[in-house]
Amino acid sequence: MAIVTVMGAAGTNVNVTVDGGDTLALANAYAAALRASAGNKNFSTLQNGFNTAGSTGSVGVITVGGAYALDGAYVNIVAGALSGSAPDAVLRAPVAIDAHKVTTPVDVISGTLGGTTFLGGPAGGSFLATAGDNVFIGGAGNFTINMGAGNDLVVTDGGNDTVNAGSGDNRIFLGEGNNDVVSMGTDTIVGALGTQSVTINAGSSLVLLGANATVVDNAAGSIVSVGGGSTVSGGAQDRVSFTGSSGTIGGAVSDTISAAGDLQVVQGVGNTISVTGSLTFLNGTGMTSVVAGQSTIFGAAGLSMTLGASGPTLFVANEGNETLDGAQASNPLHAFANGGDVTFVGGTGNDTLVGGTGSATMTGGSGDNLFAFTNGPSSGGTDIITDFGSSAGNLVALYQYGYQNNNGLQGILSAATVAGGNSTIQLSDNTRITFVGITDLKASDFTLS
C-alpha cells in the first residue's frame, strides 16, 4: 500500500492511499499538477453536508469520512487523511461526494480504504479512486474515470466517458455517449446504448454491448456479445456472439463464435463458427468448424475445416496444405485448389472441385459432381479423385486443353495407365489425375471446352 502526498488547505498536506500499482503513477501526476498550479487556486477544507465554492478555481479538501454536497466552481477535490498526525496516516472511512451542481470541470482524487461514492455533474472532469471499493455515477458531462484495485461500480450517463477499470472485479454500465473502457480486472461491462469501445486486458470478463461496438481482446476466456455493425479482435478461448445483422471478428484463437446475421471472420486460428446468415472467411488456419448459410472462404496454410453449409459455398485455397471437409454440406461446394497439398470432401450437393498446381485429393460426395482442370498457370498438379464412380452424373471438365480437336481426348485415354484397380491420365500441362477404383475411363466421363 502506497501513500501519495497531495497539497491541502492552509499549508497542510493530505495523504492519499493507493492500493493498486496501476493508479500510483496517476496519483503522483495529480499531486504534481496540483502543486504546480496551487498559486492560482483557493484551497478550503470541506465540511460534512453542503459546501459552496468561495471563488473560481476552488480546491476542496476532504480529510474525514462522510457525505459532501458541492456547489459552484470547484476545479479540484482531494480526499484522504490529514498528514502529520502519524507517518502512515490513512483515511479509512467511506466518503460520498455529490458534484452534480459543480459548474466547472472538476478533477477528483480520493484515496480512502472505506471507498468513495462520486456523483458527477454536467460540467464533467475526472475521477481517480486509488483505494477501496468505489462507486462512480456519471452525469451528462464528459468524464475520465480511473479506478484502483478495488471491486468498483461505474455507471455512466449521457457523456462521452473514458473508463480505466483497475484489477478488481468491476461492474461497468455504460450510457448513451461514446465511451471507451479499458478493463484490467474480471469485469462485467454492459452497454446497450451509445457507441462503446472496450479493451480487455485481463480476461474472464463478461461484455454485453449494443450496435457498432468495438472490442479489442488482449486476454482469454471472456464472454462477449455485441450488436450489429460491431467489430471484435483478438482473444483466445472466448465465447463471442453477434446479435445483429452484421459483424466482423479478427485474430481470434480457439473461440466459439456465433452470429445471428452475416459475419466476416479474418485471420482466425482454430475457431468454432456458427452463422445464421452469410459467412466471409479470410485467411484462417488451424482446426476450424463452420456451420453457415452461404459461405465465401479463403483459406491459409494449415487450415483444416469441417463445413456444414445450408447455402452455396465458395472455397479458395491459398498456398500451403489445407483441408475442406464439406460432408455435412447440403448445398453445392465450389472449391479451388492452389499450390499446396489440398483435400476436398463434398457433401450432398452437386459440387465443383477444381485442381491447382499442388496435390489435390478430391471426394465429391453423393451429388453429381464436376472435377475441373484448366490448362494454364494454375494447373500442373498431381490429383486424386477418390469416388468418381459413386455417381453416374460425375464428370471431369478439361478446359482450354483443346482435346475436343483431332481426337485429343481419345489420345489421353489411350495413354492412361491402370494399376491396382486405379486409372491415371496425364495432361499436356503435366497434370496427373488418378481415378480410384476406375479401370474403364470413357470419353463420356469428360466435358471439354
Protein backbone atom coordinates (compact mmCIF):
# COMPACT_ATOMS: atom_id res chain seq x y z
CA MET A 1 0.00 0.00 0.00
CA ALA A 2 1.47 3.34 -1.11
CA ILE A 3 0.89 6.89 0.11
CA VAL A 4 0.85 9.92 -2.20
CA THR A 5 1.06 13.33 -0.53
CA VAL A 6 -1.20 15.96 -2.09
CA MET A 7 -1.33 19.67 -1.21
CA GLY A 8 -4.17 20.55 1.17
CA ALA A 9 -5.67 23.70 2.69
CA ALA A 10 -3.83 26.31 4.81
CA GLY A 11 -0.37 24.80 4.33
CA THR A 12 -1.39 21.27 5.22
CA ASN A 13 -0.82 18.10 3.20
CA VAL A 14 -3.17 15.18 2.57
CA ASN A 15 -2.14 11.54 2.41
CA VAL A 16 -3.94 9.74 -0.42
CA THR A 17 -3.80 5.96 -0.07
CA VAL A 18 -3.04 3.96 -3.23
CA ASP A 19 -3.73 0.22 -3.17
CA GLY A 20 -3.11 -0.61 -6.83
CA GLY A 21 0.06 -0.24 -8.87
CA ASP A 22 -1.94 0.80 -11.93
CA THR A 23 -3.04 4.05 -10.24
CA LEU A 24 0.16 5.02 -8.42
CA ALA A 25 1.64 6.88 -11.39
CA LEU A 26 -1.66 8.71 -11.96
CA ALA A 27 -1.85 9.74 -8.30
CA ASN A 28 1.69 11.11 -8.39
CA ALA A 29 0.92 13.00 -11.59
CA TYR A 30 -2.22 14.50 -9.99
CA ALA A 31 -0.24 15.63 -6.94
CA ALA A 32 2.46 17.22 -9.09
CA ALA A 33 -0.08 19.04 -11.27
CA LEU A 34 -1.91 20.40 -8.23
CA ARG A 35 1.32 21.67 -6.66
CA ALA A 36 2.34 23.33 -9.91
CA SER A 37 -0.95 25.22 -10.19
CA ALA A 38 -1.51 25.94 -6.48
CA GLY A 39 -0.72 29.64 -6.79
CA ASN A 40 -3.83 30.24 -8.87
CA LYS A 41 -6.22 28.25 -6.70
CA ASN A 42 -8.07 28.69 -3.43
CA PHE A 43 -7.94 25.76 -1.00
CA SER A 44 -10.57 25.04 1.64
CA THR A 45 -11.34 22.12 3.94
CA LEU A 46 -14.80 20.77 3.20
CA GLN A 47 -17.35 20.01 5.90
CA ASN A 48 -19.89 17.22 6.02
CA GLY A 49 -23.04 18.44 4.31
CA PHE A 50 -23.42 21.31 1.85
CA ASN A 51 -20.38 23.24 0.58
CA THR A 52 -20.21 26.20 -1.81
CA ALA A 53 -17.10 27.26 -3.71
CA GLY A 54 -15.91 30.64 -2.41
CA SER A 55 -14.49 31.74 -5.76
CA THR A 56 -13.39 30.47 -9.12
CA GLY A 57 -10.53 27.97 -9.04
CA SER A 58 -11.63 26.43 -5.73
CA VAL A 59 -10.00 23.30 -4.36
CA GLY A 60 -11.97 21.27 -1.82
CA VAL A 61 -10.08 19.09 0.66
CA ILE A 62 -11.74 16.18 2.48
CA THR A 63 -9.93 14.62 5.45
CA VAL A 64 -12.73 12.77 7.28
CA GLY A 65 -15.40 10.38 6.12
CA GLY A 66 -18.94 11.45 5.42
CA ALA A 67 -21.19 12.93 2.75
CA TYR A 68 -20.29 16.11 0.90
CA ALA A 69 -22.57 18.08 -1.44
CA LEU A 70 -20.77 20.63 -3.61
CA ASP A 71 -21.97 23.72 -5.48
CA GLY A 72 -20.02 26.17 -7.60
CA ALA A 73 -16.67 26.40 -9.36
CA TYR A 74 -14.68 23.60 -7.77
CA VAL A 75 -11.80 22.60 -10.02
CA ASN A 76 -10.10 20.03 -7.74
CA ILE A 77 -11.23 17.74 -4.94
CA VAL A 78 -8.75 15.85 -2.73
CA ALA A 79 -9.90 13.18 -0.26
CA GLY A 80 -7.51 11.46 2.14
CA ALA A 81 -6.04 11.57 5.65
CA LEU A 82 -4.52 14.73 7.08
CA SER A 83 -0.75 14.40 7.16
CA GLY A 84 1.20 14.97 10.37
CA SER A 85 -0.87 13.00 12.87
CA ALA A 86 1.06 9.82 12.07
CA PRO A 87 3.69 8.91 9.47
CA ASP A 88 1.37 6.36 7.87
CA ALA A 89 -1.93 8.15 8.43
CA VAL A 90 -4.67 6.84 6.12
CA LEU A 91 -8.34 7.63 5.73
CA ARG A 92 -10.43 4.53 6.42
CA ALA A 93 -13.98 5.88 6.49
CA PRO A 94 -16.21 5.98 3.40
CA VAL A 95 -16.64 9.25 1.54
CA ALA A 96 -19.60 10.34 -0.63
CA ILE A 97 -19.21 13.31 -2.97
CA ASP A 98 -22.19 14.86 -4.76
CA ALA A 99 -20.77 17.06 -7.53
CA HIS A 100 -23.82 17.31 -9.76
CA LYS A 101 -24.08 21.08 -9.05
CA VAL A 102 -20.41 21.81 -9.71
CA THR A 103 -20.27 24.37 -12.51
CA THR A 104 -16.75 23.77 -13.86
CA PRO A 105 -14.90 20.62 -14.90
CA VAL A 106 -13.61 19.11 -11.66
CA ASP A 107 -10.66 16.75 -11.17
CA VAL A 108 -11.08 14.45 -8.18
CA ILE A 109 -8.59 12.21 -6.38
CA SER A 110 -9.82 10.10 -3.49
CA GLY A 111 -7.84 7.54 -1.52
CA THR A 112 -9.85 6.16 1.38
CA LEU A 113 -9.88 2.49 2.34
CA GLY A 114 -13.59 2.89 3.04
CA GLY A 115 -14.26 3.63 -0.61
CA THR A 116 -15.66 6.67 -2.40
CA THR A 117 -19.05 7.25 -3.97
CA PHE A 118 -18.98 10.05 -6.54
CA LEU A 119 -21.93 11.67 -8.33
CA GLY A 120 -20.80 13.60 -11.40
CA GLY A 121 -22.41 16.61 -12.99
CA PRO A 122 -22.89 18.20 -16.40
CA ALA A 123 -19.53 20.02 -16.34
CA GLY A 124 -17.55 16.78 -16.45
CA GLY A 125 -13.99 16.28 -15.30
CA SER A 126 -12.00 13.36 -13.95
CA PHE A 127 -12.31 10.91 -11.07
CA LEU A 128 -9.35 8.96 -9.70
CA ALA A 129 -10.20 6.48 -6.94
CA THR A 130 -6.97 4.99 -5.62
CA ALA A 131 -8.12 2.78 -2.73
CA GLY A 132 -11.14 0.82 -1.50
CA ASP A 133 -14.25 -0.26 -3.34
CA ASN A 134 -15.69 2.73 -5.20
CA VAL A 135 -18.82 3.89 -6.98
CA PHE A 136 -18.94 6.39 -9.85
CA ILE A 137 -22.31 7.68 -11.07
CA GLY A 138 -21.88 9.90 -14.10
CA GLY A 139 -23.89 12.86 -15.28
CA ALA A 140 -24.28 14.49 -18.65
CA GLY A 141 -20.68 15.71 -18.67
CA ASN A 142 -17.62 14.00 -20.11
CA PHE A 143 -15.50 12.20 -17.52
CA THR A 144 -12.25 10.28 -17.35
CA ILE A 145 -12.65 7.62 -14.66
CA ASN A 146 -9.66 5.77 -13.22
CA MET A 147 -10.13 3.05 -10.63
CA GLY A 148 -7.66 1.21 -8.40
CA ALA A 149 -7.52 -2.40 -7.26
CA GLY A 150 -10.94 -2.46 -5.57
CA ASN A 151 -14.18 -4.02 -6.70
CA ASP A 152 -15.77 -0.94 -8.24
CA LEU A 153 -19.08 0.11 -9.76
CA VAL A 154 -19.16 2.57 -12.68
CA VAL A 155 -22.39 3.89 -14.18
CA THR A 156 -22.01 6.45 -16.96
CA ASP A 157 -24.76 8.65 -18.35
CA GLY A 158 -25.04 10.77 -21.47
CA GLY A 159 -21.45 11.99 -21.59
CA ASN A 160 -18.55 10.67 -23.60
CA ASP A 161 -16.56 8.90 -20.91
CA THR A 162 -13.24 7.08 -20.63
CA VAL A 163 -13.12 4.32 -18.02
CA ASN A 164 -9.87 2.73 -16.88
CA ALA A 165 -11.02 -0.07 -14.60
CA GLY A 166 -8.50 -1.44 -12.13
CA SER A 167 -7.60 -5.00 -11.35
CA GLY A 168 -10.64 -5.83 -9.21
CA ASP A 169 -13.95 -7.45 -10.06
CA ASN A 170 -15.69 -4.42 -11.50
CA ARG A 171 -19.18 -3.71 -12.79
CA ILE A 172 -19.40 -1.10 -15.53
CA PHE A 173 -22.68 0.11 -17.02
CA LEU A 174 -22.32 2.44 -19.99
CA GLY A 175 -24.79 5.12 -21.01
CA GLU A 176 -25.77 6.80 -24.24
CA GLY A 177 -22.48 8.52 -25.04
CA ASN A 178 -19.40 7.39 -26.92
CA ASN A 179 -17.50 5.54 -24.21
CA ASP A 180 -14.06 3.94 -24.08
CA VAL A 181 -13.31 1.25 -21.48
CA VAL A 182 -10.02 -0.42 -20.61
CA SER A 183 -10.62 -3.49 -18.45
CA MET A 184 -7.79 -4.70 -16.21
CA GLY A 185 -9.82 -6.98 -13.96
CA THR A 186 -12.50 -9.63 -14.14
CA ASP A 187 -15.27 -7.27 -15.15
CA THR A 188 -18.90 -7.14 -16.18
CA ILE A 189 -19.33 -4.45 -18.83
CA VAL A 190 -22.82 -3.63 -20.15
CA GLY A 191 -23.67 -1.01 -22.75
CA ALA A 192 -26.81 -1.48 -24.83
CA LEU A 193 -26.95 2.17 -25.91
CA GLY A 194 -24.36 4.59 -27.18
CA THR A 195 -21.24 3.65 -29.09
CA GLN A 196 -18.91 1.58 -26.97
CA SER A 197 -15.24 0.65 -27.27
CA VAL A 198 -13.85 -1.93 -24.85
CA THR A 199 -10.31 -3.25 -24.43
CA ILE A 200 -9.96 -6.44 -22.36
CA ASN A 201 -6.53 -6.89 -20.80
CA ALA A 202 -7.11 -9.47 -18.06
CA GLY A 203 -9.73 -11.87 -19.44
CA SER A 204 -12.59 -13.88 -17.96
CA SER A 205 -14.87 -10.87 -18.29
CA LEU A 206 -18.49 -10.55 -19.41
CA VAL A 207 -19.03 -7.90 -22.10
CA LEU A 208 -22.55 -7.16 -23.36
CA LEU A 209 -22.73 -4.31 -25.86
CA GLY A 210 -25.10 -2.92 -28.46
CA ALA A 211 -24.65 -1.94 -32.08
CA ASN A 212 -21.46 -0.54 -33.64
CA ALA A 213 -19.30 -1.61 -30.72
CA THR A 214 -15.56 -2.26 -30.86
CA VAL A 215 -13.92 -4.89 -28.65
CA VAL A 216 -10.17 -5.50 -28.52
CA ASP A 217 -9.34 -8.60 -26.51
CA ASN A 218 -5.75 -8.96 -25.34
CA ALA A 219 -6.53 -11.85 -22.99
CA ALA A 220 -8.54 -15.10 -22.87
CA GLY A 221 -11.68 -16.72 -21.57
CA SER A 222 -14.20 -13.89 -21.83
CA ILE A 223 -17.84 -13.90 -22.91
CA VAL A 224 -18.60 -11.17 -25.45
CA SER A 225 -21.92 -10.22 -27.05
CA VAL A 226 -22.21 -7.31 -29.49
CA GLY A 227 -24.87 -5.87 -31.77
CA GLY A 228 -24.97 -5.15 -35.46
CA GLY A 229 -22.05 -3.46 -37.19
CA SER A 230 -19.64 -4.39 -34.40
CA THR A 231 -16.02 -5.49 -34.59
CA VAL A 232 -14.20 -7.88 -32.24
CA SER A 233 -10.46 -8.50 -32.50
CA GLY A 234 -8.02 -10.75 -30.67
CA GLY A 235 -8.82 -13.02 -27.77
CA ALA A 236 -8.46 -16.73 -27.14
CA GLN A 237 -10.92 -19.33 -25.88
CA ASP A 238 -13.68 -16.72 -25.81
CA ARG A 239 -17.39 -17.11 -26.49
CA VAL A 240 -18.36 -14.36 -28.91
CA SER A 241 -21.93 -13.67 -30.09
CA PHE A 242 -23.02 -11.19 -32.77
CA THR A 243 -26.71 -10.42 -32.26
CA GLY A 244 -27.26 -8.00 -35.16
CA SER A 245 -27.40 -8.24 -38.92
CA SER A 246 -23.63 -8.00 -39.49
CA GLY A 247 -20.28 -8.10 -37.74
CA THR A 248 -16.55 -8.73 -38.05
CA ILE A 249 -14.15 -10.73 -35.89
CA GLY A 250 -10.40 -10.89 -36.48
CA GLY A 251 -7.45 -12.71 -34.97
CA ALA A 252 -9.47 -14.95 -32.67
CA VAL A 253 -7.85 -18.16 -31.38
CA SER A 254 -9.90 -21.18 -30.32
CA ASP A 255 -13.06 -19.10 -29.91
CA THR A 256 -16.66 -20.25 -30.09
CA ILE A 257 -18.30 -17.71 -32.40
CA SER A 258 -21.97 -17.31 -33.30
CA ALA A 259 -23.79 -14.74 -35.43
CA ALA A 260 -27.48 -14.12 -35.98
CA GLY A 261 -26.79 -12.37 -39.29
CA ASP A 262 -23.84 -12.08 -41.67
CA LEU A 263 -20.29 -12.38 -40.33
CA GLN A 264 -16.77 -11.74 -41.58
CA VAL A 265 -14.02 -13.79 -39.91
CA VAL A 266 -10.46 -12.63 -40.56
CA GLN A 267 -7.22 -14.48 -39.72
CA GLY A 268 -8.64 -16.72 -37.05
CA VAL A 269 -6.98 -19.86 -35.70
CA GLY A 270 -8.89 -22.99 -34.74
CA ASN A 271 -12.33 -21.46 -34.14
CA THR A 272 -15.82 -22.96 -33.95
CA ILE A 273 -18.14 -20.78 -36.03
CA SER A 274 -21.93 -20.81 -36.37
CA VAL A 275 -23.52 -18.21 -38.66
CA THR A 276 -27.21 -17.92 -39.49
CA GLY A 277 -26.59 -15.63 -42.45
CA SER A 278 -23.66 -15.43 -44.85
CA LEU A 279 -20.07 -16.10 -43.82
CA THR A 280 -16.98 -14.45 -45.29
CA PHE A 281 -13.87 -16.23 -44.03
CA LEU A 282 -10.45 -14.76 -44.84
CA ASN A 283 -7.03 -16.35 -44.26
CA GLY A 284 -7.98 -18.54 -41.33
CA THR A 285 -5.99 -21.54 -40.22
CA GLY A 286 -6.00 -24.41 -37.72
CA MET A 287 -8.72 -26.94 -36.90
CA THR A 288 -11.86 -24.94 -37.73
CA SER A 289 -15.54 -25.89 -37.62
CA VAL A 290 -18.12 -23.90 -39.59
CA VAL A 291 -21.91 -24.05 -39.80
CA ALA A 292 -23.27 -21.31 -42.03
CA GLY A 293 -25.63 -20.32 -44.79
CA GLN A 294 -23.94 -19.01 -47.91
CA SER A 295 -20.15 -19.02 -47.40
CA THR A 296 -17.14 -17.44 -49.11
CA ILE A 297 -13.94 -18.93 -47.73
CA PHE A 298 -10.33 -18.01 -48.50
CA GLY A 299 -8.07 -20.38 -46.61
CA ALA A 300 -4.48 -20.22 -45.43
CA ALA A 301 -1.73 -22.78 -44.87
CA GLY A 302 -2.65 -25.19 -42.11
CA LEU A 303 -6.41 -24.76 -42.37
CA SER A 304 -8.43 -27.90 -41.67
CA MET A 305 -12.11 -27.02 -41.90
CA THR A 306 -15.27 -29.03 -41.38
CA LEU A 307 -18.21 -27.32 -43.04
CA GLY A 308 -21.94 -27.65 -42.65
CA ALA A 309 -23.46 -25.20 -45.12
CA SER A 310 -27.14 -24.67 -45.86
CA GLY A 311 -26.26 -22.37 -48.80
CA PRO A 312 -23.75 -22.46 -51.65
CA THR A 313 -20.06 -22.25 -50.69
CA LEU A 314 -17.04 -20.85 -52.50
CA PHE A 315 -13.72 -22.12 -51.11
CA VAL A 316 -10.40 -20.85 -52.44
CA ALA A 317 -7.23 -22.43 -51.05
CA ASN A 318 -4.14 -20.33 -50.56
CA GLU A 319 -0.56 -21.60 -50.56
CA GLY A 320 0.18 -24.44 -48.16
CA ASN A 321 -1.66 -27.55 -47.06
CA GLU A 322 -5.41 -27.25 -46.47
CA THR A 323 -8.44 -29.46 -45.93
CA LEU A 324 -12.10 -28.72 -46.58
CA ASP A 325 -14.45 -31.41 -45.28
CA GLY A 326 -17.91 -30.48 -46.56
CA ALA A 327 -19.52 -33.87 -45.99
CA GLN A 328 -22.26 -32.18 -43.92
CA ALA A 329 -22.95 -29.51 -46.54
CA SER A 330 -26.34 -29.76 -48.24
CA ASN A 331 -25.71 -27.19 -50.97
CA PRO A 332 -23.12 -27.07 -53.74
CA LEU A 333 -19.46 -26.51 -52.94
CA HIS A 334 -17.20 -24.70 -55.40
CA ALA A 335 -13.65 -25.41 -54.23
CA PHE A 336 -10.42 -24.30 -55.88
CA ALA A 337 -7.04 -25.84 -55.04
CA ASN A 338 -3.76 -23.94 -55.17
CA GLY A 339 -0.12 -24.90 -54.72
CA GLY A 340 -0.21 -26.99 -51.56
CA ASP A 341 -1.45 -30.44 -50.60
CA VAL A 342 -5.21 -29.96 -50.56
CA THR A 343 -8.05 -32.28 -49.57
CA PHE A 344 -11.63 -31.57 -50.65
CA VAL A 345 -14.63 -33.60 -49.43
CA GLY A 346 -18.01 -32.71 -50.92
CA GLY A 347 -21.46 -33.20 -49.41
CA THR A 348 -24.90 -33.97 -50.79
CA GLY A 349 -24.96 -31.10 -53.29
CA ASN A 350 -23.69 -31.05 -56.85
CA ASP A 351 -20.14 -29.88 -56.17
CA THR A 352 -17.43 -28.40 -58.37
CA LEU A 353 -13.90 -29.27 -57.25
CA VAL A 354 -11.00 -27.66 -59.13
CA GLY A 355 -7.38 -28.80 -59.16
CA GLY A 356 -4.36 -26.49 -58.93
CA THR A 357 -0.58 -26.63 -59.10
CA GLY A 358 -0.15 -28.77 -56.00
CA SER A 359 -1.58 -32.11 -54.96
CA ALA A 360 -5.36 -32.24 -54.59
CA THR A 361 -7.30 -35.19 -53.21
CA MET A 362 -10.96 -34.82 -54.14
CA THR A 363 -14.01 -36.66 -52.85
CA GLY A 364 -17.19 -35.45 -54.47
CA GLY A 365 -19.78 -36.90 -52.13
CA SER A 366 -23.26 -38.11 -53.04
CA GLY A 367 -24.19 -35.43 -55.61
CA ASP A 368 -23.50 -35.21 -59.32
CA ASN A 369 -20.10 -33.56 -59.16
CA LEU A 370 -17.76 -31.80 -61.56
CA PHE A 371 -13.99 -32.25 -61.19
CA ALA A 372 -12.40 -29.43 -63.17
CA PHE A 373 -8.89 -28.73 -64.52
CA THR A 374 -7.82 -25.67 -66.55
CA ASN A 375 -4.73 -25.51 -68.73
CA GLY A 376 -2.63 -22.55 -67.63
CA PRO A 377 -0.52 -21.13 -64.79
CA SER A 378 -2.84 -22.56 -62.11
CA SER A 379 -2.54 -26.18 -63.33
CA GLY A 380 0.04 -28.92 -63.38
CA GLY A 381 -0.75 -30.64 -60.12
CA THR A 382 -0.93 -34.28 -59.08
CA ASP A 383 -4.55 -35.04 -58.27
CA ILE A 384 -6.62 -37.92 -56.95
CA ILE A 385 -10.37 -38.40 -57.36
CA THR A 386 -11.44 -40.92 -54.73
CA ASP A 387 -15.09 -41.57 -55.62
CA PHE A 388 -15.58 -40.83 -59.30
CA GLY A 389 -17.67 -43.93 -59.76
CA SER A 390 -20.06 -43.13 -56.91
CA SER A 391 -22.49 -41.19 -59.14
CA ALA A 392 -23.38 -41.66 -62.79
CA GLY A 393 -23.59 -37.88 -63.05
CA ASN A 394 -19.95 -37.26 -62.12
CA LEU A 395 -17.89 -35.57 -64.84
CA VAL A 396 -14.34 -34.35 -65.41
CA ALA A 397 -14.07 -30.95 -67.09
CA LEU A 398 -10.92 -30.22 -69.11
CA TYR A 399 -10.80 -26.54 -70.02
CA GLN A 400 -8.54 -24.87 -72.59
CA TYR A 401 -6.63 -28.06 -73.44
CA GLY A 402 -8.07 -28.31 -76.95
CA TYR A 403 -8.81 -32.03 -76.57
CA GLN A 404 -12.07 -31.63 -78.48
CA ASN A 405 -9.92 -31.39 -81.63
CA ASN A 406 -8.17 -34.18 -83.56
CA ASN A 407 -9.22 -36.94 -81.16
CA GLY A 408 -7.17 -35.30 -78.42
CA LEU A 409 -9.20 -36.80 -75.60
CA GLN A 410 -9.01 -40.30 -77.09
CA GLY A 411 -5.24 -39.98 -77.20
CA ILE A 412 -5.15 -39.12 -73.49
CA LEU A 413 -7.40 -42.06 -72.63
CA SER A 414 -5.40 -44.47 -74.76
CA ALA A 415 -2.26 -43.47 -72.85
CA ALA A 416 -3.86 -43.99 -69.44
CA THR A 417 -2.17 -46.34 -67.02
CA VAL A 418 -4.16 -48.84 -64.98
CA ALA A 419 -2.62 -50.25 -61.81
CA GLY A 420 -4.06 -51.60 -58.58
CA GLY A 421 -7.61 -51.05 -59.78
CA ASN A 422 -6.98 -47.33 -60.45
CA SER A 423 -6.56 -45.34 -63.66
CA THR A 424 -4.19 -42.40 -64.17
CA ILE A 425 -4.12 -39.94 -67.03
CA GLN A 426 -1.55 -37.23 -67.75
CA LEU A 427 -2.50 -33.99 -69.47
CA SER A 428 -0.39 -31.79 -71.71
CA ASP A 429 0.48 -29.41 -68.85
CA ASN A 430 1.78 -32.35 -66.74
CA THR A 431 -1.38 -32.50 -64.65
CA ARG A 432 -1.76 -36.11 -63.42
CA ILE A 433 -5.20 -37.36 -62.39
CA THR A 434 -5.72 -40.71 -60.66
CA PHE A 435 -9.25 -42.17 -60.55
CA VAL A 436 -9.50 -44.51 -57.56
CA GLY A 437 -11.46 -47.70 -58.30
CA ILE A 438 -11.87 -46.90 -62.01
CA THR A 439 -10.36 -49.08 -64.75
CA ASP A 440 -12.58 -48.18 -67.75
CA LEU A 441 -12.48 -44.44 -68.32
CA LYS A 442 -14.68 -43.35 -71.24
CA ALA A 443 -14.99 -40.20 -73.30
CA SER A 444 -18.47 -39.72 -71.86
CA ASP A 445 -16.88 -39.20 -68.43
CA PHE A 446 -15.41 -35.89 -69.69
CA THR A 447 -16.65 -32.50 -70.81
CA LEU A 448 -14.33 -30.34 -72.92
CA SER A 449 -14.03 -26.69 -73.85
